[in-house]
Amino acid sequence: MRPYCVHVEDGASLLFDEMRALGQSARKAARAVAAASSEQRSAALREMAAQLRARQADILDANTRDVAAARQRDPAESFIDRLMLDEARLDSIAAGIETIAALPDPVGATMEEWTRPNGLRIARVRTPIGVIGMIFESRPNVAADAAALALRAGNAIILRGGSDSAGSVRAIGGALQQALGQAQLAEDAIQIVQSTDRAAVGMMLQGLGGAIDVIVPRGGKSLVARVQAEARIPVFAHLEGVNHTYVHAAADVRKAVDIVVNAKMRRVSVCGATEKLLIDRAVLETMLPPIAKALEERGCELRGGPEAQRVYRMKRATSEDWSAEYLAPIIAIRTVADIDEAIAVIGLYGSQHTDAIVTEDKAAAEKFLRDVDSAIVLHNASTQFADGGEFGFGGEIGIATGRLHARGPVGAEQLTTFKYVVRGNGQIRP
């Protein structure tokens, strides 16, 4: 008897059966994938990229329908940008998978080894985690990125996208599963949750009867909050990106303009976009006008405190602005006395995701890099580099902002755990 399926509606019971079967299939496939050779998994990844390109028309057709339906519900362009695919984006996804296929295989890699005085040889060796549960919202590319990284690390994955991207995710998932079959690997190593019922998420958070080893949420604050509140299995948390770029008194003005504009406006809908601009009071009158003018010319709305408003015309920022993740062409601008206040402001209002300093003062840069407790900290570079592909990982399953196991871009290496391999020659313990 299934103890928590008693007295439920028939539809819920059917969903439970479907999800449990999906979990069991993923667990079985995980064992097969973990046992496969590195070349088998590399070949499967190359075939995944090929199938995405071969089935481009079907995938883009499904995405067009998703986008059309979404426009009727949510006209926000930042949301549409996250949802939309085109030929260039789909080719970029395929190219990312090819990059992942070419990465060194983390499975079986020796992290450290040593020999004890008694002659025992001990090695810490990377192993797959097992089954990854991925819950995400509007970005259909996440399905391909996550599946590829999971496979590179010898894992199976269960993907549950949002209802807005359901058609796109099903089309992408079908291409990826076909690729596994072509490569003679278990197709069940990539599972797509077909149901858009929110109850399916709850079942995943319970672990599907021990089938899922870790959950990775990727989406808005409400999704992550639900996952953290309800999960009964480990979570790699991908929180919002309340990211700061700090223009220090010793910044080069040209670098500052270029970096801030790129960090905010390259793509406003990504989690690595800068949302807050901090400027030292000593250089406010020389630094703010050219930065603000360049942002406005790109269509960015400026919100600032009284000092910033005195130097450049902009809207008055409210208390909510300092901790908001806009994912839109809006930036909040704040004046600080020095680097210590900048670090304090980031600690108070930031989300420990990605923060940057612009300065030519090496000592100030090192202090910022040391003292800002974020998953990614940068010197003289755009926060939009907060991306697994830019780190050389081929892609990412998310940006983890916690402190345990994985932090920053979660690539294939971060989707492994380890075991100790001990080799002896007859030793016994006295």
Foldseek 3Di string as FASTA:
>chain_A
DPVVVPPDDPVVNVLLVVLLVLLVLLQVLLVQLQPDDLVLLLQLLLQLLVLLLVCVVQLQVLLVVLLVVVCVPDVPVLLSVQQHDDPVNSNLLSVLSNLLSPDPQQAQDWPDWDADPVGKIKTKGWGFLEEEEEEEERHLSLLSQVCSLNSSLSYAYEYEYAPSNLSNNVSSLVSSLVSCVVSVGHSSSYHYSNDNDCVSVLCVLAPSVVSHAEYEYYYAPVRQVVSVVRHPHHYQYFYAQQEEEEEAPAFDQVLLLVQLLCLCPVQLSDRLRHAEYEYEPVCLLPRVPSNVVSLVVSPAAEEEDPVNCVNPPHHHDDPVSLQDRDSDRYHYYYYDNHLVVVLVSCVVRGDLAEYEYGHPDVVSRVCCVPRRRHLYYYYSHHSVCQFCVSVSLSGASHAGGDDPQDHGGHGNNSSIDIDMDIDDDPDDDD
